[in-house]
Amino acid sequence: MSPPDSGREKVDSKAAVKPQMLTIKVVGQEKVVHHTMRMTDKLKVLMDVWYHKVPNVTYGTGVFLYDGLRVRRNMTPVGLEMEDGDMLDFFEHMDGGAGPFIVGSM
C-alpha cells in the first residue's frame, strides 16, 4: 500500500483539454462585435454576423485581418491557432483618392 501522497503530481484533466468554444472580437472603425463560435466553425459565420450587425457596411466590402494575415471565409479558428478573446480587425476597401503623387513635379 502506498502512502496517500506518493510524490506524483495530479494533473487537472480539464486544463489539458482546449475549449471547444471561443469568443472572438471583431473591431472596425466605428463598431465592435463579439461572437461566440466553435473552434471548428468556418470564419464565414463570423463575417456574416459582422455584416449583419453593422448595417452601414455593405456585404463583402472589406477585409478581415488576424495578426496581419488576411482571413478567408473557409478558414477556422483552430487552423489559425486562435484562442478565446482573440481579435480580428475589419478594414473597408477604399475607392477613389487623388492620382499618383510624383515627387518634384512642381
N, C-alpha and C. Protein backbone atom coordinates (compact mmCIF):
# COMPACT_ATOMS: atom_id res chain seq x y z
N MET A 1 0.83 -1.18 0.00
CA MET A 1 0.00 0.00 0.00
C MET A 1 0.88 1.24 0.00
N SER A 2 0.62 2.13 -0.90
CA SER A 2 1.43 3.34 -1.00
C SER A 2 0.83 4.44 -0.14
N PRO A 3 1.65 5.35 0.31
CA PRO A 3 1.14 6.47 1.12
C PRO A 3 0.20 7.34 0.29
N PRO A 4 -0.70 8.12 0.93
CA PRO A 4 -1.66 8.94 0.21
C PRO A 4 -1.02 9.88 -0.79
N ASP A 5 0.12 10.47 -0.46
CA ASP A 5 0.80 11.36 -1.40
C ASP A 5 2.09 10.68 -1.80
N SER A 6 2.08 9.95 -2.90
CA SER A 6 3.25 9.17 -3.31
C SER A 6 4.22 9.97 -4.16
N GLY A 7 4.11 11.28 -4.17
CA GLY A 7 5.04 12.12 -4.92
C GLY A 7 4.60 12.38 -6.35
N ARG A 8 3.54 11.76 -6.79
CA ARG A 8 3.03 12.01 -8.13
C ARG A 8 2.21 13.29 -8.13
N GLU A 9 2.40 14.08 -9.17
CA GLU A 9 1.62 15.31 -9.29
C GLU A 9 0.29 14.98 -9.94
N LYS A 10 -0.76 15.56 -9.41
CA LYS A 10 -2.06 15.37 -10.01
C LYS A 10 -2.21 16.33 -11.17
N VAL A 11 -2.72 15.84 -12.27
CA VAL A 11 -2.92 16.65 -13.46
C VAL A 11 -4.41 16.89 -13.62
N ASP A 12 -4.77 18.16 -13.73
CA ASP A 12 -6.18 18.50 -13.94
C ASP A 12 -6.51 18.22 -15.40
N SER A 13 -7.38 17.25 -15.63
CA SER A 13 -7.68 16.84 -16.99
C SER A 13 -8.37 17.95 -17.78
N LYS A 14 -9.12 18.84 -17.13
CA LYS A 14 -9.80 19.93 -17.82
C LYS A 14 -8.80 20.97 -18.32
N ALA A 15 -7.71 21.17 -17.61
CA ALA A 15 -6.72 22.16 -18.02
C ALA A 15 -5.98 21.72 -19.28
N ALA A 16 -5.85 20.42 -19.49
CA ALA A 16 -5.11 19.92 -20.64
C ALA A 16 -5.96 19.93 -21.92
N VAL A 17 -7.26 20.03 -21.79
CA VAL A 17 -8.16 20.00 -22.94
C VAL A 17 -8.48 21.42 -23.37
N LYS A 18 -8.29 21.71 -24.65
CA LYS A 18 -8.62 23.05 -25.15
C LYS A 18 -10.13 23.19 -25.24
N PRO A 19 -10.64 24.39 -25.00
CA PRO A 19 -12.09 24.59 -25.08
C PRO A 19 -12.59 24.44 -26.52
N GLN A 20 -13.81 23.94 -26.65
CA GLN A 20 -14.40 23.75 -27.97
C GLN A 20 -15.02 25.05 -28.50
N MET A 21 -15.32 25.99 -27.60
CA MET A 21 -15.94 27.26 -27.98
C MET A 21 -14.98 28.41 -27.66
N LEU A 22 -15.08 29.47 -28.42
CA LEU A 22 -14.31 30.66 -28.13
C LEU A 22 -15.09 31.89 -28.56
N THR A 23 -14.78 33.01 -27.95
CA THR A 23 -15.39 34.28 -28.30
C THR A 23 -14.35 35.12 -29.01
N ILE A 24 -14.71 35.61 -30.18
CA ILE A 24 -13.80 36.43 -30.99
C ILE A 24 -14.39 37.82 -31.09
N LYS A 25 -13.53 38.81 -30.99
CA LYS A 25 -13.95 40.21 -31.11
C LYS A 25 -13.52 40.72 -32.47
N VAL A 26 -14.46 41.35 -33.19
CA VAL A 26 -14.15 41.99 -34.47
C VAL A 26 -14.24 43.49 -34.27
N VAL A 27 -13.18 44.19 -34.64
CA VAL A 27 -13.10 45.63 -34.41
C VAL A 27 -12.99 46.34 -35.75
N GLY A 28 -13.92 47.27 -35.98
CA GLY A 28 -13.88 48.13 -37.15
C GLY A 28 -13.64 49.55 -36.69
N GLN A 29 -13.77 50.51 -37.58
CA GLN A 29 -13.54 51.90 -37.20
C GLN A 29 -14.57 52.41 -36.21
N GLU A 30 -15.82 52.01 -36.37
CA GLU A 30 -16.88 52.56 -35.54
C GLU A 30 -17.64 51.53 -34.73
N LYS A 31 -17.30 50.26 -34.85
CA LYS A 31 -18.12 49.22 -34.23
C LYS A 31 -17.25 48.08 -33.73
N VAL A 32 -17.68 47.47 -32.62
CA VAL A 32 -17.04 46.27 -32.08
C VAL A 32 -18.12 45.21 -31.93
N VAL A 33 -17.85 44.01 -32.45
CA VAL A 33 -18.81 42.91 -32.37
C VAL A 33 -18.12 41.71 -31.74
N HIS A 34 -18.78 41.11 -30.74
CA HIS A 34 -18.30 39.89 -30.11
C HIS A 34 -19.16 38.74 -30.60
N HIS A 35 -18.52 37.60 -30.90
CA HIS A 35 -19.28 36.44 -31.35
C HIS A 35 -18.63 35.17 -30.80
N THR A 36 -19.47 34.30 -30.23
CA THR A 36 -19.00 33.02 -29.70
C THR A 36 -19.29 31.94 -30.73
N MET A 37 -18.28 31.12 -30.99
CA MET A 37 -18.41 30.09 -32.02
C MET A 37 -17.55 28.89 -31.66
N ARG A 38 -17.75 27.78 -32.39
CA ARG A 38 -16.93 26.58 -32.19
C ARG A 38 -15.56 26.79 -32.84
N MET A 39 -14.58 26.11 -32.31
CA MET A 39 -13.22 26.19 -32.85
C MET A 39 -13.14 25.68 -34.29
N THR A 40 -14.06 24.81 -34.66
CA THR A 40 -14.01 24.19 -35.99
C THR A 40 -14.95 24.85 -36.99
N ASP A 41 -15.75 25.85 -36.57
CA ASP A 41 -16.63 26.56 -37.49
C ASP A 41 -15.80 27.40 -38.45
N LYS A 42 -16.28 27.52 -39.67
CA LYS A 42 -15.61 28.40 -40.63
C LYS A 42 -15.83 29.85 -40.24
N LEU A 43 -14.83 30.69 -40.47
CA LEU A 43 -14.93 32.10 -40.10
C LEU A 43 -15.94 32.86 -40.95
N LYS A 44 -16.50 32.21 -41.96
CA LYS A 44 -17.60 32.78 -42.75
C LYS A 44 -18.75 33.16 -41.82
N VAL A 45 -19.00 32.33 -40.80
CA VAL A 45 -20.07 32.60 -39.83
C VAL A 45 -19.82 33.93 -39.13
N LEU A 46 -18.61 34.16 -38.69
CA LEU A 46 -18.26 35.40 -38.00
C LEU A 46 -18.37 36.60 -38.95
N MET A 47 -17.95 36.43 -40.18
CA MET A 47 -18.03 37.52 -41.16
C MET A 47 -19.50 37.86 -41.45
N ASP A 48 -20.34 36.83 -41.57
CA ASP A 48 -21.76 37.08 -41.81
C ASP A 48 -22.39 37.84 -40.64
N VAL A 49 -22.00 37.48 -39.42
CA VAL A 49 -22.51 38.18 -38.23
C VAL A 49 -22.08 39.64 -38.27
N TRP A 50 -20.82 39.90 -38.64
CA TRP A 50 -20.32 41.27 -38.71
C TRP A 50 -21.15 42.12 -39.68
N TYR A 51 -21.35 41.61 -40.89
CA TYR A 51 -22.10 42.38 -41.88
C TYR A 51 -23.56 42.55 -41.48
N HIS A 52 -24.11 41.59 -40.73
CA HIS A 52 -25.49 41.71 -40.27
C HIS A 52 -25.63 42.76 -39.16
N LYS A 53 -24.65 42.81 -38.27
CA LYS A 53 -24.73 43.73 -37.11
C LYS A 53 -24.23 45.13 -37.41
N VAL A 54 -23.55 45.32 -38.53
CA VAL A 54 -23.05 46.64 -38.91
C VAL A 54 -23.76 47.03 -40.21
N PRO A 55 -24.93 47.63 -40.11
CA PRO A 55 -25.76 47.87 -41.30
C PRO A 55 -25.19 48.86 -42.30
N ASN A 56 -24.31 49.76 -41.88
CA ASN A 56 -23.79 50.75 -42.81
C ASN A 56 -22.61 50.23 -43.63
N VAL A 57 -22.28 48.95 -43.49
CA VAL A 57 -21.20 48.33 -44.26
C VAL A 57 -21.83 47.31 -45.20
N THR A 58 -21.59 47.47 -46.49
CA THR A 58 -22.14 46.57 -47.49
C THR A 58 -21.39 45.24 -47.47
N TYR A 59 -22.14 44.15 -47.61
CA TYR A 59 -21.56 42.80 -47.56
C TYR A 59 -20.42 42.65 -48.57
N GLY A 60 -19.29 42.16 -48.10
CA GLY A 60 -18.15 41.88 -48.97
C GLY A 60 -17.30 43.08 -49.32
N THR A 61 -17.49 44.21 -48.63
CA THR A 61 -16.76 45.43 -48.99
C THR A 61 -15.55 45.70 -48.11
N GLY A 62 -15.07 44.69 -47.43
CA GLY A 62 -13.93 44.91 -46.56
C GLY A 62 -13.05 43.69 -46.45
N VAL A 63 -12.04 43.82 -45.61
CA VAL A 63 -11.08 42.75 -45.39
C VAL A 63 -10.94 42.54 -43.88
N PHE A 64 -10.86 41.27 -43.48
CA PHE A 64 -10.65 40.90 -42.08
C PHE A 64 -9.21 40.45 -41.92
N LEU A 65 -8.55 40.94 -40.88
CA LEU A 65 -7.16 40.58 -40.61
C LEU A 65 -7.01 40.00 -39.21
N TYR A 66 -6.18 38.97 -39.09
CA TYR A 66 -5.82 38.39 -37.80
C TYR A 66 -4.30 38.36 -37.72
N ASP A 67 -3.75 39.12 -36.81
CA ASP A 67 -2.29 39.25 -36.68
C ASP A 67 -1.63 39.58 -38.01
N GLY A 68 -2.27 40.47 -38.79
CA GLY A 68 -1.71 40.90 -40.07
C GLY A 68 -1.99 39.97 -41.23
N LEU A 69 -2.59 38.82 -40.98
CA LEU A 69 -2.91 37.84 -42.01
C LEU A 69 -4.34 38.03 -42.48
N ARG A 70 -4.54 38.09 -43.79
CA ARG A 70 -5.90 38.23 -44.32
C ARG A 70 -6.68 36.95 -44.07
N VAL A 71 -7.84 37.09 -43.47
CA VAL A 71 -8.68 35.95 -43.12
C VAL A 71 -9.64 35.66 -44.26
N ARG A 72 -9.68 34.41 -44.67
CA ARG A 72 -10.59 33.97 -45.73
C ARG A 72 -11.78 33.26 -45.11
N ARG A 73 -12.87 33.21 -45.86
CA ARG A 73 -14.13 32.65 -45.37
C ARG A 73 -14.03 31.18 -44.97
N ASN A 74 -13.17 30.41 -45.61
CA ASN A 74 -13.10 28.99 -45.34
C ASN A 74 -12.12 28.63 -44.21
N MET A 75 -11.46 29.61 -43.63
CA MET A 75 -10.53 29.36 -42.53
C MET A 75 -11.31 29.09 -41.25
N THR A 76 -10.65 28.43 -40.29
CA THR A 76 -11.26 28.15 -39.00
C THR A 76 -10.37 28.69 -37.88
N PRO A 77 -10.95 28.94 -36.70
CA PRO A 77 -10.13 29.38 -35.57
C PRO A 77 -9.04 28.37 -35.21
N VAL A 78 -9.36 27.08 -35.27
CA VAL A 78 -8.35 26.08 -34.93
C VAL A 78 -7.20 26.10 -35.95
N GLY A 79 -7.51 26.35 -37.22
CA GLY A 79 -6.48 26.43 -38.25
C GLY A 79 -5.56 27.63 -38.07
N LEU A 80 -6.10 28.70 -37.48
CA LEU A 80 -5.31 29.91 -37.23
C LEU A 80 -4.72 29.92 -35.82
N GLU A 81 -4.97 28.84 -35.06
CA GLU A 81 -4.50 28.71 -33.68
C GLU A 81 -5.00 29.85 -32.81
N MET A 82 -6.27 30.22 -33.01
CA MET A 82 -6.87 31.31 -32.24
C MET A 82 -7.23 30.82 -30.84
N GLU A 83 -7.30 31.77 -29.91
CA GLU A 83 -7.68 31.48 -28.54
C GLU A 83 -8.86 32.36 -28.16
N ASP A 84 -9.52 31.98 -27.09
CA ASP A 84 -10.66 32.74 -26.60
C ASP A 84 -10.24 34.19 -26.34
N GLY A 85 -11.02 35.13 -26.85
CA GLY A 85 -10.74 36.55 -26.65
C GLY A 85 -9.89 37.18 -27.73
N ASP A 86 -9.45 36.41 -28.72
CA ASP A 86 -8.65 36.98 -29.80
C ASP A 86 -9.47 37.98 -30.61
N MET A 87 -8.78 38.81 -31.38
CA MET A 87 -9.43 39.91 -32.08
C MET A 87 -9.11 39.88 -33.57
N LEU A 88 -10.12 40.15 -34.39
CA LEU A 88 -9.95 40.37 -35.82
C LEU A 88 -10.15 41.86 -36.08
N ASP A 89 -9.40 42.40 -37.02
CA ASP A 89 -9.59 43.79 -37.45
C ASP A 89 -10.35 43.77 -38.76
N PHE A 90 -11.27 44.73 -38.92
CA PHE A 90 -12.00 44.87 -40.17
C PHE A 90 -11.66 46.21 -40.79
N PHE A 91 -11.29 46.19 -42.07
CA PHE A 91 -10.99 47.41 -42.81
C PHE A 91 -11.83 47.44 -44.07
N GLU A 92 -12.53 48.55 -44.28
CA GLU A 92 -13.30 48.71 -45.51
C GLU A 92 -12.36 49.04 -46.66
N HIS A 93 -12.71 48.54 -47.84
CA HIS A 93 -11.94 48.90 -49.03
C HIS A 93 -12.16 50.37 -49.33
N MET A 94 -11.11 51.04 -49.71
CA MET A 94 -11.20 52.46 -50.03
C MET A 94 -11.10 52.64 -51.54
N ASP A 95 -12.06 53.35 -52.10
CA ASP A 95 -12.04 53.65 -53.53
C ASP A 95 -11.77 55.13 -53.73
N GLY A 96 -11.22 55.45 -54.87
CA GLY A 96 -11.02 56.85 -55.21
C GLY A 96 -9.72 57.40 -54.66
N GLY A 97 -9.70 58.70 -54.47
CA GLY A 97 -8.50 59.35 -53.99
C GLY A 97 -7.83 60.12 -55.12
N ALA A 98 -6.75 60.74 -54.81
CA ALA A 98 -6.04 61.54 -55.80
C ALA A 98 -5.22 60.64 -56.71
N GLY A 99 -4.79 61.19 -57.81
CA GLY A 99 -3.94 60.45 -58.74
C GLY A 99 -2.57 60.20 -58.12
N PRO A 100 -1.67 59.66 -58.88
CA PRO A 100 -0.34 59.37 -58.35
C PRO A 100 0.40 60.65 -57.97
N PHE A 101 1.11 60.60 -56.89
CA PHE A 101 1.89 61.74 -56.42
C PHE A 101 3.33 61.56 -56.90
N ILE A 102 3.80 62.54 -57.63
CA ILE A 102 5.16 62.46 -58.16
C ILE A 102 5.99 63.51 -57.46
N VAL A 103 7.06 63.07 -56.82
CA VAL A 103 7.92 63.98 -56.07
C VAL A 103 8.68 64.87 -57.06
N GLY A 104 8.72 66.15 -56.77
CA GLY A 104 9.46 67.10 -57.58
C GLY A 104 8.77 67.51 -58.87
N SER A 105 7.48 67.27 -58.98
CA SER A 105 6.79 67.65 -60.22
C SER A 105 6.39 69.11 -60.22
N MET A 106 6.50 69.80 -59.11
CA MET A 106 6.11 71.21 -59.07
C MET A 106 7.28 72.11 -59.04
